[in-house]
């Protein structure tokens, strides 16, 4: 599974570009639209045991044991689509996103395969 987010030409930040599954679309939209340059809010929430759920612009987040469930707040499917990550995966995504966001590559490609997540910044997209 993969998702691509792309640097916006005329303003600060990234926007969701493409994904091969709804789950990865949820992740790309969450990072580009909700996290942006501020992952610390979500990192703090992970370790705040008082709150089991939270929501941002377009993503609902829920803690379920050692997992974080991300869902599209506007999904009309029944049942709604969601992406489940372990706490470790979720924190890895936020830490790596923060690093790549600061570096500012043209695209950030996220691949999830067999439970392993890789995130890469690219300045020259493939033709």
Protein backbone atom coordinates (compact mmCIF):
# COMPACT_ATOMS: atom_id res chain seq x y z
CA UNK A 1 0.00 0.00 0.00
CA UNK A 2 1.25 3.48 -0.72
CA UNK A 3 0.33 7.15 -0.48
CA UNK A 4 1.95 10.21 -2.06
CA UNK A 5 1.70 13.74 -0.71
CA UNK A 6 3.04 16.61 -2.74
CA UNK A 7 4.44 20.01 -1.80
CA UNK A 8 2.09 22.84 -2.68
CA UNK A 9 3.49 25.23 -5.28
CA UNK A 10 2.15 28.52 -4.00
CA UNK A 11 1.79 28.06 -0.26
CA UNK A 12 3.38 26.37 2.68
CA UNK A 13 2.79 22.68 3.27
CA UNK A 14 1.71 19.54 1.44
CA UNK A 15 -1.45 18.16 -0.07
CA UNK A 16 -2.66 14.63 -0.64
CA UNK A 17 -1.98 13.47 -4.20
CA UNK A 18 -2.57 9.73 -4.65
CA UNK A 19 -2.97 6.43 -2.82
CA UNK A 20 -3.70 2.85 -3.78
CA UNK A 21 -6.13 2.17 -0.92
CA UNK A 22 -8.64 4.10 1.17
CA UNK A 23 -6.55 3.30 4.26
CA UNK A 24 -3.51 5.01 2.81
CA UNK A 25 -5.68 7.91 1.62
CA UNK A 26 -6.71 8.40 5.25
CA UNK A 27 -3.05 8.48 6.31
CA UNK A 28 -1.99 10.90 3.57
CA UNK A 29 -4.89 13.25 4.24
CA UNK A 30 -4.24 13.13 7.98
CA UNK A 31 -0.59 14.08 7.55
CA UNK A 32 -1.09 16.74 4.87
CA UNK A 33 -4.26 18.35 6.25
CA UNK A 34 -4.22 17.74 9.99
CA UNK A 35 -0.64 17.23 11.16
CA UNK A 36 1.09 19.66 8.78
CA UNK A 37 4.09 21.07 10.66
CA UNK A 38 2.64 20.36 14.14
CA UNK A 39 2.94 16.66 15.02
CA UNK A 40 3.59 17.41 18.71
CA UNK A 41 -0.14 17.70 19.47
CA UNK A 42 -0.75 14.15 18.28
CA UNK A 43 2.38 12.81 20.01
CA UNK A 44 1.16 14.27 23.29
CA UNK A 45 -2.30 12.76 22.77
CA UNK A 46 -0.79 9.27 22.33
CA UNK A 47 0.63 9.41 25.86
CA UNK A 48 -2.36 11.18 27.47
CA UNK A 49 -4.26 8.33 29.09
CA UNK A 50 -7.21 10.55 30.00
CA UNK A 51 -8.39 10.91 26.39
CA UNK A 52 -9.09 7.84 24.26
CA UNK A 53 -10.37 9.73 21.22
CA UNK A 54 -9.66 12.97 19.43
CA UNK A 55 -10.46 14.52 16.10
CA UNK A 56 -8.87 17.04 13.79
CA UNK A 57 -9.99 18.67 10.53
CA UNK A 58 -10.82 15.47 8.67
CA UNK A 59 -9.56 12.58 10.78
CA UNK A 60 -10.91 10.84 13.85
CA UNK A 61 -8.37 9.09 16.07
CA UNK A 62 -9.05 6.45 18.68
CA UNK A 63 -6.83 4.45 21.01
CA UNK A 64 -7.66 0.77 21.15
CA UNK A 65 -5.23 -1.06 23.39
CA UNK A 66 -1.77 -0.45 21.94
CA UNK A 67 -3.23 0.60 18.58
CA UNK A 68 -4.23 3.91 17.05
CA UNK A 69 -7.24 3.87 14.74
CA UNK A 70 -7.45 6.63 12.10
CA UNK A 71 -10.74 7.20 10.29
CA UNK A 72 -12.13 9.73 7.85
CA UNK A 73 -14.70 11.85 9.69
CA UNK A 74 -16.67 12.30 6.47
CA UNK A 75 -16.67 8.69 5.26
CA UNK A 76 -20.20 7.67 4.29
CA UNK A 77 -19.40 3.96 3.90
CA UNK A 78 -21.01 1.55 6.33
CA UNK A 79 -18.94 0.40 8.05
CA UNK A 80 -16.50 3.31 7.65
CA UNK A 81 -12.96 2.70 6.42
CA UNK A 82 -10.12 3.03 8.88
CA UNK A 83 -6.39 2.51 9.25
CA UNK A 84 -5.02 0.73 12.30
CA UNK A 85 -1.43 1.39 13.37
CA UNK A 86 0.43 0.29 16.44
CA UNK A 87 1.45 3.08 18.79
CA UNK A 88 5.04 2.50 17.69
CA UNK A 89 4.11 2.81 13.99
CA UNK A 90 2.04 5.94 14.64
CA UNK A 91 4.89 7.65 16.50
CA UNK A 92 7.36 6.60 13.79
CA UNK A 93 5.10 8.16 11.14
CA UNK A 94 4.80 11.41 13.12
CA UNK A 95 8.56 11.62 13.84
CA UNK A 96 9.53 10.84 10.25
CA UNK A 97 6.88 13.20 8.86
CA UNK A 98 8.25 16.00 11.05
CA UNK A 99 11.78 15.39 9.78
CA UNK A 100 10.76 15.18 6.11
CA UNK A 101 8.45 18.19 6.42
CA UNK A 102 11.37 20.30 7.64
CA UNK A 103 13.56 19.07 4.76
CA UNK A 104 10.84 20.10 2.30
CA UNK A 105 11.08 17.56 -0.54
CA UNK A 106 8.69 17.91 -3.50
CA UNK A 107 6.97 14.63 -2.64
CA UNK A 108 6.76 12.37 0.38
CA UNK A 109 6.03 8.74 -0.43
CA UNK A 110 4.79 6.43 2.32
CA UNK A 111 4.76 2.67 1.77
CA UNK A 112 3.23 0.15 4.15
CA UNK A 113 4.04 -3.48 3.47
CA UNK A 114 3.76 -6.45 5.82
CA UNK A 115 3.37 -4.09 8.80
CA UNK A 116 6.52 -2.14 7.95
CA UNK A 117 6.26 1.54 7.07
CA UNK A 118 8.84 3.43 5.04
CA UNK A 119 8.71 7.14 4.30
CA UNK A 120 10.87 8.80 1.66
CA UNK A 121 11.23 12.35 0.44
CA UNK A 122 11.77 12.85 -3.29
CA UNK A 123 12.60 16.01 -5.20
CA UNK A 124 12.30 14.60 -8.71
CA UNK A 125 9.09 12.60 -9.14
CA UNK A 126 9.15 9.65 -11.51
CA UNK A 127 7.87 10.47 -14.99
